[in-house]
N, C-alpha and C. Protein backbone atom coordinates (compact mmCIF):
# COMPACT_ATOMS: atom_id res chain seq x y z
N MET A 1 0.35 -0.96 -0.09
CA MET A 1 -0.06 0.11 -0.10
C MET A 1 0.91 1.19 0.08
N ASP A 2 0.69 1.88 -0.65
CA ASP A 2 0.71 4.08 -0.50
C ASP A 2 1.02 4.19 0.55
N PRO A 3 1.68 4.53 1.38
CA PRO A 3 1.36 5.51 2.45
C PRO A 3 1.18 6.68 2.59
N SER A 4 1.48 7.34 1.35
CA SER A 4 0.96 8.53 1.06
C SER A 4 -0.33 8.61 0.76
N PRO A 5 -1.29 9.81 1.52
CA PRO A 5 -2.43 9.05 1.42
C PRO A 5 -2.78 10.68 0.41
N ALA A 6 -1.62 11.98 0.00
CA ALA A 6 -1.95 12.51 -0.94
C ALA A 6 -2.07 11.88 -2.64
N ARG A 7 -0.69 11.17 -2.31
CA ARG A 7 -0.69 9.07 -3.88
C ARG A 7 -1.68 8.40 -3.85
N THR A 8 -1.70 8.73 -3.40
CA THR A 8 -3.64 7.84 -3.04
C THR A 8 -4.63 8.18 -3.56
N TYR A 9 -5.01 8.92 -2.95
CA TYR A 9 -6.25 10.49 -3.60
C TYR A 9 -6.18 11.23 -4.64
N ASP A 10 -4.39 11.35 -5.15
CA ASP A 10 -4.79 11.43 -6.70
C ASP A 10 -5.36 10.25 -7.19
N ARG A 11 -4.52 9.26 -7.18
CA ARG A 11 -5.21 8.07 -8.37
C ARG A 11 -7.07 8.38 -8.41
N ILE A 12 -7.45 9.03 -7.17
CA ILE A 12 -8.71 8.95 -7.56
C ILE A 12 -9.51 9.53 -7.23
N ALA A 13 -8.83 10.72 -7.79
CA ALA A 13 -9.88 12.26 -7.26
C ALA A 13 -10.68 12.57 -8.37
N GLY A 14 -10.45 12.11 -9.29
CA GLY A 14 -11.62 12.35 -10.33
C GLY A 14 -12.81 11.39 -9.92
N HIS A 15 -12.87 10.21 -10.08
CA HIS A 15 -14.03 8.97 -9.89
C HIS A 15 -14.64 9.66 -7.37
N PHE A 16 -13.10 9.90 -6.88
CA PHE A 16 -14.12 10.34 -5.91
C PHE A 16 -15.02 11.25 -5.64
N SER A 17 -14.14 12.43 -6.20
CA SER A 17 -15.40 13.79 -6.44
C SER A 17 -16.42 13.25 -6.56
N LYS A 18 -16.92 12.54 -7.72
CA LYS A 18 -18.21 12.39 -7.93
C LYS A 18 -19.28 11.47 -6.92
N THR A 19 -19.24 11.27 -6.13
CA THR A 19 -19.20 10.29 -5.12
C THR A 19 -19.62 11.37 -4.34
N ARG A 20 -19.18 12.54 -4.60
CA ARG A 20 -19.24 13.51 -2.79
C ARG A 20 -19.80 15.01 -2.89
N GLU A 21 -20.98 15.11 -4.11
CA GLU A 21 -21.56 15.55 -3.72
C GLU A 21 -21.93 16.70 -3.06
N TYR A 22 -22.85 16.32 -2.02
CA TYR A 22 -23.21 16.84 -0.89
C TYR A 22 -22.77 17.21 -0.16
N PRO A 23 -22.43 17.88 1.18
CA PRO A 23 -22.38 17.87 2.51
C PRO A 23 -22.45 16.98 3.39
N TRP A 24 -22.35 16.87 4.38
CA TRP A 24 -22.76 16.14 5.72
C TRP A 24 -23.37 16.52 6.22
N PRO A 25 -24.88 16.07 6.68
CA PRO A 25 -25.71 17.17 7.78
C PRO A 25 -24.95 17.51 8.87
N GLU A 26 -24.28 16.67 9.70
CA GLU A 26 -24.00 17.35 10.68
C GLU A 26 -22.29 18.38 10.25
N VAL A 27 -22.11 19.04 9.84
CA VAL A 27 -21.64 19.27 9.39
C VAL A 27 -22.01 20.67 8.61
N GLU A 28 -23.41 20.63 8.40
CA GLU A 28 -24.47 21.51 7.88
C GLU A 28 -25.25 22.62 9.64
N SER A 29 -24.92 21.55 9.96
CA SER A 29 -26.00 21.38 11.54
C SER A 29 -24.52 22.28 12.26
N PHE A 30 -23.46 21.95 12.29
CA PHE A 30 -22.07 22.95 13.17
C PHE A 30 -21.69 23.84 12.81
N LEU A 31 -22.51 24.01 11.81
CA LEU A 31 -22.02 25.91 10.63
C LEU A 31 -23.67 26.53 11.41
N ASP A 32 -24.00 25.93 11.46
CA ASP A 32 -25.64 26.72 11.24
C ASP A 32 -25.50 27.70 12.54
N GLY A 33 -26.20 28.73 12.06
CA GLY A 33 -25.67 30.05 12.89
C GLY A 33 -24.24 30.33 13.11
N ARG A 34 -23.47 30.09 12.42
CA ARG A 34 -21.84 30.45 12.90
C ARG A 34 -21.24 31.21 11.93
N SER A 35 -20.40 32.17 12.12
CA SER A 35 -19.67 32.99 11.21
C SER A 35 -18.16 33.25 11.55
N ALA A 36 -17.61 33.68 11.09
CA ALA A 36 -16.34 34.30 11.37
C ALA A 36 -15.24 34.99 9.75
N GLU A 37 -14.43 35.87 10.40
CA GLU A 37 -13.79 36.79 9.12
C GLU A 37 -12.82 35.94 7.76
N ARG A 38 -11.96 34.92 8.36
CA ARG A 38 -11.84 33.78 7.75
C ARG A 38 -12.52 32.34 8.25
N ALA A 39 -12.39 31.46 7.26
CA ALA A 39 -12.92 29.66 7.77
C ALA A 39 -11.94 28.95 7.54
N LEU A 40 -11.18 27.91 7.10
CA LEU A 40 -10.69 26.83 7.42
C LEU A 40 -11.61 25.47 7.03
N ASP A 41 -10.90 24.40 5.73
CA ASP A 41 -11.83 23.65 5.79
C ASP A 41 -10.70 22.61 5.78
N VAL A 42 -9.57 22.12 6.70
CA VAL A 42 -8.46 20.71 6.53
C VAL A 42 -8.83 20.18 5.79
N GLY A 43 -8.57 19.15 5.16
CA GLY A 43 -8.88 18.25 4.02
C GLY A 43 -9.95 18.22 4.09
N CYS A 44 -9.99 19.33 2.77
CA CYS A 44 -11.71 20.33 2.01
C CYS A 44 -11.75 18.51 0.82
N GLY A 45 -10.55 17.60 0.36
CA GLY A 45 -11.55 17.36 -0.95
C GLY A 45 -11.72 18.35 -2.04
N ASN A 46 -13.01 18.15 -2.48
CA ASN A 46 -13.64 18.15 -3.36
C ASN A 46 -14.55 19.76 -3.59
N GLY A 47 -14.09 20.31 -2.60
CA GLY A 47 -14.60 21.37 -1.69
C GLY A 47 -15.96 22.09 -1.17
N ARG A 48 -16.73 19.88 -1.03
CA ARG A 48 -17.77 20.20 -0.79
C ARG A 48 -18.12 21.26 0.78
N HIS A 49 -17.59 21.03 1.42
CA HIS A 49 -17.66 21.46 2.41
C HIS A 49 -17.08 23.77 3.14
N THR A 50 -15.49 23.47 1.84
CA THR A 50 -15.32 24.88 1.58
C THR A 50 -16.61 25.50 1.31
N GLU A 51 -16.88 24.62 0.53
CA GLU A 51 -18.71 26.23 0.19
C GLU A 51 -19.50 26.34 1.09
N LEU A 52 -19.51 25.91 1.97
CA LEU A 52 -20.43 25.57 3.37
C LEU A 52 -20.25 27.10 3.77
N LEU A 53 -18.77 27.49 3.98
CA LEU A 53 -17.67 28.00 4.60
C LEU A 53 -17.61 29.20 3.92
N ALA A 54 -17.58 29.05 2.40
CA ALA A 54 -17.67 30.94 2.22
C ALA A 54 -19.10 31.48 2.24
N ASP A 55 -20.09 30.84 2.28
CA ASP A 55 -21.29 30.91 3.15
C ASP A 55 -21.18 31.93 4.79
N CYS A 56 -20.48 31.15 4.96
CA CYS A 56 -20.27 31.99 6.63
C CYS A 56 -18.69 32.44 6.95
N ALA A 57 -18.38 33.29 5.81
CA ALA A 57 -16.83 33.67 6.74
C ALA A 57 -16.96 34.84 4.79
N THR A 58 -16.13 35.67 5.54
CA THR A 58 -15.90 36.94 4.12
C THR A 58 -15.07 35.61 3.22
N GLU A 59 -13.67 35.06 4.35
CA GLU A 59 -13.05 34.39 3.24
C GLU A 59 -12.84 32.37 3.57
N ALA A 60 -12.59 32.12 2.62
CA ALA A 60 -12.54 30.36 2.76
C ALA A 60 -11.50 30.11 2.93
N VAL A 61 -11.00 29.14 2.83
CA VAL A 61 -9.76 28.59 2.81
C VAL A 61 -9.53 26.80 2.80
N GLY A 62 -10.15 25.82 1.96
CA GLY A 62 -9.89 25.13 1.57
C GLY A 62 -8.55 24.58 1.34
N LEU A 63 -7.88 23.84 2.05
CA LEU A 63 -6.37 22.73 2.32
C LEU A 63 -6.55 21.17 1.64
N ASP A 64 -5.93 20.41 1.33
CA ASP A 64 -5.83 19.01 0.68
C ASP A 64 -4.17 18.71 0.01
N ALA A 65 -4.02 17.72 0.65
CA ALA A 65 -2.43 17.22 0.46
C ALA A 65 -2.16 16.80 -0.99
N SER A 66 -3.33 16.76 -1.74
CA SER A 66 -3.32 15.92 -2.02
C SER A 66 -4.48 17.10 -3.52
N ARG A 67 -3.17 17.27 -5.10
CA ARG A 67 -3.60 17.83 -6.15
C ARG A 67 -4.18 17.43 -6.87
N GLY A 68 -5.11 16.27 -7.07
CA GLY A 68 -5.73 15.46 -7.90
C GLY A 68 -7.34 16.13 -6.98
N LEU A 69 -7.05 16.17 -5.96
CA LEU A 69 -8.70 16.51 -5.39
C LEU A 69 -8.99 17.77 -4.99
N LEU A 70 -7.69 18.72 -5.00
CA LEU A 70 -7.37 20.54 -4.57
C LEU A 70 -8.10 20.94 -6.90
N ALA A 71 -7.88 20.01 -7.44
CA ALA A 71 -8.54 20.51 -8.59
C ALA A 71 -9.58 20.41 -8.92
N GLU A 72 -10.02 19.05 -8.20
CA GLU A 72 -11.96 19.04 -8.38
C GLU A 72 -12.39 20.10 -7.42
N ALA A 73 -11.96 20.84 -6.68
CA ALA A 73 -12.40 22.05 -5.34
C ALA A 73 -11.95 22.77 -6.12
N THR A 74 -11.29 23.20 -7.16
CA THR A 74 -11.17 24.46 -8.14
C THR A 74 -12.55 24.46 -8.67
N SER A 75 -12.20 23.23 -9.45
CA SER A 75 -13.14 22.81 -11.03
C SER A 75 -14.76 23.26 -10.14
N ARG A 76 -15.13 22.73 -9.10
CA ARG A 76 -16.15 23.25 -8.16
C ARG A 76 -16.46 24.49 -7.56
N ALA A 77 -15.32 24.94 -7.11
CA ALA A 77 -15.94 26.72 -6.91
C ALA A 77 -16.38 27.43 -8.56
N ALA A 78 -15.07 26.90 -9.04
CA ALA A 78 -15.88 27.71 -10.50
C ALA A 78 -17.63 27.51 -11.16
N GLU A 79 -18.10 26.43 -11.23
CA GLU A 79 -18.38 25.74 -11.21
C GLU A 79 -19.93 26.36 -10.68
N ARG A 80 -19.84 26.22 -8.99
CA ARG A 80 -21.31 27.04 -8.61
C ARG A 80 -20.55 27.46 -8.02
N ASP A 81 -20.03 29.29 -8.60
CA ASP A 81 -19.76 30.05 -8.42
C ASP A 81 -19.71 30.52 -6.78
N PHE A 82 -18.45 29.96 -6.45
CA PHE A 82 -17.69 30.54 -4.89
C PHE A 82 -16.42 30.60 -4.37
N GLU A 83 -16.16 31.35 -5.88
CA GLU A 83 -14.12 30.96 -6.20
C GLU A 83 -14.31 32.89 -5.62
N SER A 84 -14.58 33.73 -5.84
CA SER A 84 -14.30 34.73 -5.10
C SER A 84 -14.36 35.07 -3.79
N ALA A 85 -14.65 34.43 -3.04
CA ALA A 85 -14.90 33.30 -1.70
C ALA A 85 -13.95 32.63 -1.17
N ALA A 86 -13.46 31.81 -1.83
CA ALA A 86 -12.53 30.97 -1.23
C ALA A 86 -11.10 30.44 -2.21
N ALA A 87 -10.33 29.98 -1.56
CA ALA A 87 -8.89 30.14 -1.83
C ALA A 87 -8.65 28.03 -1.75
N PHE A 88 -7.92 27.87 -2.28
CA PHE A 88 -6.54 26.04 -1.88
C PHE A 88 -5.64 26.12 -1.90
N VAL A 89 -5.14 25.22 -0.98
CA VAL A 89 -3.62 25.57 -0.57
C VAL A 89 -3.78 23.81 -0.02
N GLN A 90 -2.27 24.02 -1.30
CA GLN A 90 -1.62 22.02 -0.84
C GLN A 90 -0.98 22.09 0.27
N GLY A 91 -1.06 21.39 0.96
CA GLY A 91 -0.45 21.00 2.53
C GLY A 91 -0.82 19.87 4.02
N ASP A 92 0.44 20.00 4.11
CA ASP A 92 0.08 18.60 5.13
C ASP A 92 -1.02 18.68 6.16
N ALA A 93 -1.56 18.20 6.38
CA ALA A 93 -3.02 17.93 8.00
C ALA A 93 -1.59 18.97 8.76
N ALA A 94 -0.59 17.70 8.48
CA ALA A 94 0.14 17.59 9.94
C ALA A 94 1.07 19.07 10.65
N THR A 95 0.71 19.53 9.29
CA THR A 95 2.30 20.68 9.56
C THR A 95 1.69 21.65 8.06
N LEU A 96 0.78 22.65 8.93
CA LEU A 96 -0.70 23.13 7.92
C LEU A 96 0.82 24.48 7.16
N PRO A 97 0.24 25.04 6.25
CA PRO A 97 1.34 25.69 6.05
C PRO A 97 0.75 27.29 5.90
N LEU A 98 -0.05 27.55 6.98
CA LEU A 98 -0.94 28.84 7.57
C LEU A 98 -0.43 29.46 8.44
N ALA A 99 -0.67 30.78 8.92
CA ALA A 99 -0.76 31.69 9.65
C ALA A 99 -1.36 31.07 11.13
N THR A 100 -0.12 31.55 11.73
CA THR A 100 -1.35 31.43 13.59
C THR A 100 -1.83 32.34 14.17
N ASP A 101 -3.20 32.04 14.36
CA ASP A 101 -4.60 32.55 14.95
C ASP A 101 -5.15 33.84 13.70
N ALA A 102 -4.95 32.20 12.44
CA ALA A 102 -5.98 33.48 10.98
C ALA A 102 -6.88 32.86 10.88
N PHE A 103 -7.89 31.99 11.51
CA PHE A 103 -8.79 31.20 11.65
C PHE A 103 -9.94 31.63 12.41
N GLY A 104 -11.20 31.63 12.62
CA GLY A 104 -12.29 31.61 13.59
C GLY A 104 -13.28 30.81 13.51
N LEU A 105 -13.00 29.49 12.03
CA LEU A 105 -13.86 28.98 12.50
C LEU A 105 -13.39 27.56 11.60
N ALA A 106 -13.79 26.27 11.34
CA ALA A 106 -12.85 25.46 10.98
C ALA A 106 -13.59 24.40 11.16
N THR A 107 -13.53 23.34 9.73
CA THR A 107 -14.27 22.12 9.61
C THR A 107 -12.36 21.06 8.85
N TYR A 108 -13.01 20.50 9.84
CA TYR A 108 -11.55 19.17 9.61
C TYR A 108 -12.35 17.88 9.76
N VAL A 109 -13.09 17.21 8.11
CA VAL A 109 -14.01 16.45 8.23
C VAL A 109 -12.94 15.20 7.65
N ALA A 110 -12.92 13.94 8.12
CA ALA A 110 -12.75 12.30 7.02
C ALA A 110 -11.24 12.72 6.62
N THR A 111 -9.81 13.08 7.63
CA THR A 111 -9.16 13.64 7.51
C THR A 111 -7.65 13.16 8.25
N LEU A 112 -8.22 13.64 9.52
CA LEU A 112 -7.06 12.41 10.33
C LEU A 112 -7.53 11.41 10.55
N HIS A 113 -8.29 10.35 10.78
CA HIS A 113 -8.01 9.17 10.21
C HIS A 113 -7.09 8.81 9.17
N HIS A 114 -6.81 10.05 8.72
CA HIS A 114 -5.65 9.23 7.12
C HIS A 114 -4.16 9.36 7.69
N LEU A 115 -4.18 10.24 8.53
CA LEU A 115 -2.33 10.11 9.00
C LEU A 115 -2.43 8.45 9.95
N PRO A 116 -1.04 8.67 9.65
CA PRO A 116 0.11 7.01 9.63
C PRO A 116 0.76 7.01 10.92
N SER A 117 0.39 7.88 12.17
CA SER A 117 0.80 8.00 13.49
C SER A 117 -0.27 8.77 14.06
N ARG A 118 0.28 7.90 15.90
CA ARG A 118 -1.08 8.90 16.10
C ARG A 118 0.03 10.34 16.44
N GLU A 119 1.50 10.39 17.20
CA GLU A 119 2.86 10.72 16.39
C GLU A 119 1.93 11.84 15.88
N ALA A 120 1.70 12.01 14.39
CA ALA A 120 0.75 12.74 13.59
C ALA A 120 -0.13 13.50 14.05
N ARG A 121 -1.77 12.28 14.41
CA ARG A 121 -2.72 12.63 14.41
C ARG A 121 -2.92 14.05 15.07
N VAL A 122 -1.57 13.60 16.89
CA VAL A 122 -1.91 14.87 17.79
C VAL A 122 -0.98 15.94 17.18
N ARG A 123 -0.03 15.96 16.82
CA ARG A 123 0.78 16.90 15.95
C ARG A 123 -0.47 17.79 15.29
N SER A 124 -1.66 16.98 14.38
CA SER A 124 -2.33 17.94 13.45
C SER A 124 -3.37 18.64 14.07
N LEU A 125 -3.62 17.88 15.19
CA LEU A 125 -4.94 18.95 15.90
C LEU A 125 -3.91 19.98 17.05
N ASP A 126 -2.81 19.66 17.53
CA ASP A 126 -1.96 20.79 17.62
C ASP A 126 -2.02 21.98 16.66
N GLU A 127 -2.30 21.75 15.59
CA GLU A 127 -1.56 22.61 13.78
C GLU A 127 -3.29 23.37 13.85
N LEU A 128 -4.57 22.77 14.19
CA LEU A 128 -5.41 23.41 13.97
C LEU A 128 -5.74 24.19 15.36
N ALA A 129 -5.04 24.20 16.24
CA ALA A 129 -5.20 24.66 17.27
C ALA A 129 -4.52 26.73 17.01
N ARG A 130 -3.24 26.00 16.56
CA ARG A 130 -2.77 27.14 16.16
C ARG A 130 -2.59 27.88 15.43
N VAL A 131 -3.57 27.75 14.29
CA VAL A 131 -3.63 28.69 13.55
C VAL A 131 -5.92 29.27 13.66
N LEU A 132 -6.21 28.56 14.72
CA LEU A 132 -7.68 29.05 15.04
C LEU A 132 -7.18 30.26 15.62
N ASP A 133 -7.79 31.08 16.41
CA ASP A 133 -8.17 32.54 16.91
C ASP A 133 -8.15 32.13 18.40
N ALA A 134 -8.27 32.59 19.06
CA ALA A 134 -8.55 32.72 21.12
C ALA A 134 -9.73 32.18 20.61
N ASP A 135 -10.80 32.78 19.78
CA ASP A 135 -12.54 32.44 20.25
C ASP A 135 -12.52 32.01 19.18
N GLY A 136 -11.89 31.13 18.15
CA GLY A 136 -11.83 30.33 16.93
C GLY A 136 -12.83 28.52 17.03
N VAL A 137 -13.88 28.11 16.74
CA VAL A 137 -13.98 26.80 16.71
C VAL A 137 -13.85 25.90 15.65
N GLY A 138 -13.10 24.33 15.94
CA GLY A 138 -13.68 23.33 15.10
C GLY A 138 -14.57 22.52 14.64
N LEU A 139 -14.94 21.70 14.36
CA LEU A 139 -15.22 20.84 14.18
C LEU A 139 -14.38 19.74 13.68
N VAL A 140 -14.02 18.65 14.37
CA VAL A 140 -13.35 17.71 14.04
C VAL A 140 -13.63 15.92 14.08
N SER A 141 -14.01 15.34 12.38
CA SER A 141 -14.35 13.90 12.45
C SER A 141 -13.50 12.99 12.41
N ALA A 142 -13.63 11.85 12.56
CA ALA A 142 -13.38 10.75 11.87
C ALA A 142 -14.23 9.35 12.62
N TRP A 143 -14.09 8.49 11.00
CA TRP A 143 -14.38 7.44 11.39
C TRP A 143 -14.46 6.18 13.07
N SER A 144 -15.03 5.73 13.05
CA SER A 144 -15.55 5.80 14.93
C SER A 144 -16.11 4.08 14.41
N THR A 145 -15.21 3.16 15.65
CA THR A 145 -15.62 1.17 15.90
C THR A 145 -16.73 2.02 16.05
N ALA A 146 -17.48 2.76 15.89
CA ALA A 146 -19.25 2.63 16.31
C ALA A 146 -19.89 2.45 14.58
N HIS A 147 -19.25 2.47 13.01
CA HIS A 147 -19.51 2.58 12.59
C HIS A 147 -19.81 0.72 12.06
N GLU A 148 -20.94 1.05 11.42
CA GLU A 148 -21.58 -0.84 11.27
C GLU A 148 -20.59 -1.61 10.59
N LYS A 149 -19.47 -0.91 9.49
CA LYS A 149 -18.25 -1.94 9.14
C LYS A 149 -17.74 -2.53 9.87
N PHE A 150 -17.53 -1.90 11.45
CA PHE A 150 -16.56 -2.32 12.62
C PHE A 150 -17.23 -3.47 13.34
N ASP A 151 -16.70 -4.39 14.08
CA ASP A 151 -16.86 -4.92 15.37
C ASP A 151 -15.96 -4.87 16.66
N ARG A 152 -15.57 -3.97 16.79
CA ARG A 152 -13.68 -3.24 17.27
C ARG A 152 -14.09 -2.93 18.35
N GLU A 153 -13.76 -3.09 20.31
CA GLU A 153 -13.92 -2.21 21.06
C GLU A 153 -12.95 -1.37 21.58
N GLU A 154 -12.03 -0.92 20.17
CA GLU A 154 -11.14 -0.26 20.61
C GLU A 154 -10.24 0.47 19.35
N GLY A 155 -9.92 1.62 19.48
CA GLY A 155 -8.92 2.10 17.37
C GLY A 155 -7.51 0.58 17.16
N PHE A 156 -8.55 1.19 15.40
CA PHE A 156 -6.93 0.63 15.78
C PHE A 156 -7.41 0.68 13.93
N ASP A 157 -6.00 0.08 13.46
CA ASP A 157 -5.47 0.84 11.79
C ASP A 157 -6.12 -0.30 11.11
N THR A 158 -6.04 0.38 9.27
CA THR A 158 -6.96 -0.55 8.38
C THR A 158 -6.48 0.01 7.25
N THR A 159 -7.13 -1.27 6.63
CA THR A 159 -7.04 0.03 4.98
C THR A 159 -8.24 -0.35 4.32
N VAL A 160 -9.53 0.19 3.61
CA VAL A 160 -10.36 0.24 2.95
C VAL A 160 -10.80 0.66 1.59
N ASP A 161 -10.36 -0.83 1.05
CA ASP A 161 -9.82 0.22 -0.90
C ASP A 161 -11.07 0.97 -1.09
N TRP A 162 -10.34 1.04 -2.23
CA TRP A 162 -11.95 2.26 -2.93
C TRP A 162 -11.36 1.96 -4.41
N THR A 163 -12.72 1.37 -5.56
CA THR A 163 -12.61 1.26 -6.15
C THR A 163 -13.47 1.37 -7.38
N LEU A 164 -11.91 1.89 -8.48
CA LEU A 164 -12.71 2.47 -9.93
C LEU A 164 -13.24 2.05 -10.36
N PRO A 165 -13.81 2.88 -11.32
CA PRO A 165 -14.79 2.21 -12.36
C PRO A 165 -14.65 1.18 -13.07
N GLY A 166 -13.11 0.71 -13.21
CA GLY A 166 -12.23 -0.31 -14.39
C GLY A 166 -12.01 -0.89 -13.42
N GLY A 167 -12.28 -1.41 -12.33
CA GLY A 167 -12.30 -2.35 -11.45
C GLY A 167 -11.16 -2.45 -10.70
N GLU A 168 -9.92 -1.85 -11.03
CA GLU A 168 -8.73 -0.97 -10.49
C GLU A 168 -9.70 -0.98 -8.38
N THR A 169 -8.77 -1.86 -7.71
CA THR A 169 -8.72 -0.98 -6.27
C THR A 169 -7.58 -0.74 -5.85
N VAL A 170 -8.04 1.14 -5.26
CA VAL A 170 -6.82 1.38 -4.17
C VAL A 170 -7.21 1.21 -2.66
N PRO A 171 -6.00 0.97 -2.51
CA PRO A 171 -5.86 0.84 -0.76
C PRO A 171 -5.71 2.54 0.16
N ARG A 172 -6.95 2.28 0.75
CA ARG A 172 -6.32 3.52 1.45
C ARG A 172 -6.43 3.29 3.41
N TYR A 173 -5.14 4.01 3.78
CA TYR A 173 -5.04 3.47 5.12
C TYR A 173 -6.04 4.46 6.29
N TYR A 174 -6.12 3.59 6.89
CA TYR A 174 -7.63 4.17 8.23
C TYR A 174 -6.85 4.22 9.36
N HIS A 175 -7.07 5.15 10.21
CA HIS A 175 -6.79 4.69 11.67
C HIS A 175 -8.50 4.62 11.86
N ILE A 176 -9.04 3.58 13.01
CA ILE A 176 -10.82 3.66 13.29
C ILE A 176 -10.10 4.43 14.70
N TYR A 177 -10.90 5.28 15.33
CA TYR A 177 -10.98 5.89 15.94
C TYR A 177 -12.32 5.06 17.14
N HIS A 178 -11.96 4.48 18.41
CA HIS A 178 -12.74 4.26 19.66
C HIS A 178 -12.90 5.60 20.18
N PRO A 179 -13.69 6.66 20.37
CA PRO A 179 -14.30 8.04 20.45
C PRO A 179 -13.77 8.12 22.53
N ASP A 180 -13.81 7.08 22.94
CA ASP A 180 -12.52 7.77 24.17
C ASP A 180 -11.00 7.88 23.39
N GLU A 181 -10.84 7.13 22.14
CA GLU A 181 -9.32 7.02 22.16
C GLU A 181 -9.12 8.38 21.13
N LEU A 182 -10.17 9.04 20.06
CA LEU A 182 -10.15 10.95 19.90
C LEU A 182 -10.18 11.34 21.73
N ARG A 183 -11.44 11.18 22.76
CA ARG A 183 -11.00 12.49 23.26
C ARG A 183 -9.29 12.68 23.41
N ALA A 184 -9.18 11.64 24.00
CA ALA A 184 -7.56 11.18 25.06
C ALA A 184 -6.98 11.83 23.68
N ASP A 185 -6.29 11.51 22.28
CA ASP A 185 -5.66 12.81 21.29
C ASP A 185 -6.32 14.20 21.65
N VAL A 186 -7.63 14.80 21.43
CA VAL A 186 -7.47 15.98 21.41
C VAL A 186 -7.40 16.33 23.15
N ALA A 187 -7.84 15.83 24.43
CA ALA A 187 -6.39 15.86 25.51
C ALA A 187 -5.34 16.58 25.79
N ASP A 188 -4.84 15.54 24.79
CA ASP A 188 -3.54 15.74 24.62
C ASP A 188 -2.68 16.67 23.53
N SER A 189 -3.44 17.54 22.94
CA SER A 189 -3.45 18.27 22.15
C SER A 189 -3.67 19.66 22.14
N ASP A 190 -3.29 21.06 21.54
CA ASP A 190 -3.83 22.21 21.69
C ASP A 190 -4.79 22.67 22.19
N LEU A 191 -5.59 21.26 22.15
CA LEU A 191 -7.15 21.81 21.88
C LEU A 191 -8.05 21.44 23.16
N ASP A 192 -9.41 21.93 23.12
CA ASP A 192 -10.22 21.68 24.65
C ASP A 192 -11.52 21.10 23.82
N LEU A 193 -11.55 20.13 24.47
CA LEU A 193 -12.84 19.51 23.47
C LEU A 193 -14.44 19.69 24.51
N SER A 194 -14.99 20.18 23.37
CA SER A 194 -16.40 21.22 24.26
C SER A 194 -17.47 20.22 23.82
N SER A 195 -17.62 19.48 22.94
CA SER A 195 -18.37 18.44 22.82
C SER A 195 -18.03 17.02 22.17
N LEU A 196 -18.73 15.69 22.06
CA LEU A 196 -18.05 15.02 21.18
C LEU A 196 -19.17 14.13 20.96
N SER A 197 -19.91 13.60 19.72
CA SER A 197 -21.08 12.60 19.57
C SER A 197 -20.66 12.23 18.69
N ILE A 198 -21.73 11.23 18.24
CA ILE A 198 -21.29 9.54 17.44
C ILE A 198 -22.27 9.41 16.35
N SER A 199 -22.24 9.68 15.08
CA SER A 199 -23.56 10.33 13.84
C SER A 199 -22.94 9.45 13.23
N SER A 200 -23.55 8.34 12.13
CA SER A 200 -23.53 7.60 11.09
C SER A 200 -21.90 6.84 11.11
N GLY A 201 -21.78 6.96 12.92
CA GLY A 201 -20.67 5.49 12.18
C GLY A 201 -18.94 6.62 12.63
N ASN A 202 -19.48 8.00 12.86
CA ASN A 202 -18.16 8.84 13.43
C ASN A 202 -18.67 9.66 13.92
N CYS A 203 -17.55 10.08 14.64
CA CYS A 203 -16.67 10.91 15.80
C CYS A 203 -16.81 12.34 15.46
N TYR A 204 -17.52 13.05 16.09
CA TYR A 204 -17.42 14.40 16.20
C TYR A 204 -17.53 15.62 16.88
N ALA A 205 -16.35 15.59 17.08
CA ALA A 205 -15.77 16.80 18.34
C ALA A 205 -15.60 17.78 17.52
N VAL A 206 -16.27 18.84 18.50
CA VAL A 206 -16.42 20.42 18.67
C VAL A 206 -15.40 20.91 19.62
N VAL A 207 -14.47 22.28 18.78
CA VAL A 207 -13.26 22.36 19.77
C VAL A 207 -12.75 23.29 19.35
N ARG A 208 -12.45 23.84 20.62
CA ARG A 208 -11.53 25.09 20.98
C ARG A 208 -10.40 25.18 21.49
N PRO A 209 -9.37 26.25 20.72
CA PRO A 209 -7.94 26.14 21.16
C PRO A 209 -8.15 26.30 22.75
N THR A 210 -7.50 26.19 23.94
CA THR A 210 -6.50 26.02 24.42
C THR A 210 -6.29 27.50 25.65
N ALA A 211 -6.58 27.90 26.26
CA ALA A 211 -6.95 29.17 27.73
C ALA A 211 -4.51 29.00 26.35
N GLU A 212 -4.27 28.37 27.45
CA GLU A 212 -2.47 28.33 27.10
C GLU A 212 -2.27 28.47 25.80
N SER A 213 -2.29 28.07 25.06
CA SER A 213 -2.69 27.60 23.60
C SER A 213 -2.69 28.88 22.85
N SER A 214 -3.34 29.17 22.87
CA SER A 214 -3.92 31.38 22.50
C SER A 214 -2.76 31.71 22.84
N GLN A 215 -2.58 31.90 23.74
CA GLN A 215 -2.05 33.13 24.71
C GLN A 215 -0.38 32.89 24.04
N GLN A 216 -0.19 31.43 23.46
CA GLN A 216 1.67 31.20 23.43
C GLN A 216 1.73 32.63 22.06
């Protein structure tokens, strides 16, 4: 298996994007009534949630490691007329190429679980805390052991195949989170956990920067 999420998603970007037309209702609910000057979509994929953020902020930034997915997001922004409110950036979720305290609102959906080690995942949560301003808030989601696909009592690593139209399968690395494990990773990061819920087999954590990280 190619260990790089970027190369994996470059291979499947076009087909993946076609199956990801609509935003998740949990993201819509999180964003309802929220606004910010600048908003960030970490792991933006084809930009479906960046589009929502563009309605909540003066400027929305979508970040992804995959150039293929960023091309899909750029095309979506042009086709759906939100390109003037959105910018797309290539980058690693564990080392965000973005300024400190730059965003008041963030979504980090279905991406954390692709990072290949706990160290990288906690570092990525630290990075989210760094780029959020003192009053900022974010939504982090990850696949959970509560998903109907899994019958496990603790978090684990696995691969999930993506099947392309011609029949080729592309394995994707996942770390499947037990909800308590996600709580622990947030607790070990520079984020405070406001709430954690389970929906459709995913953990959803609403997070804010800790007071200590905001003062650094």
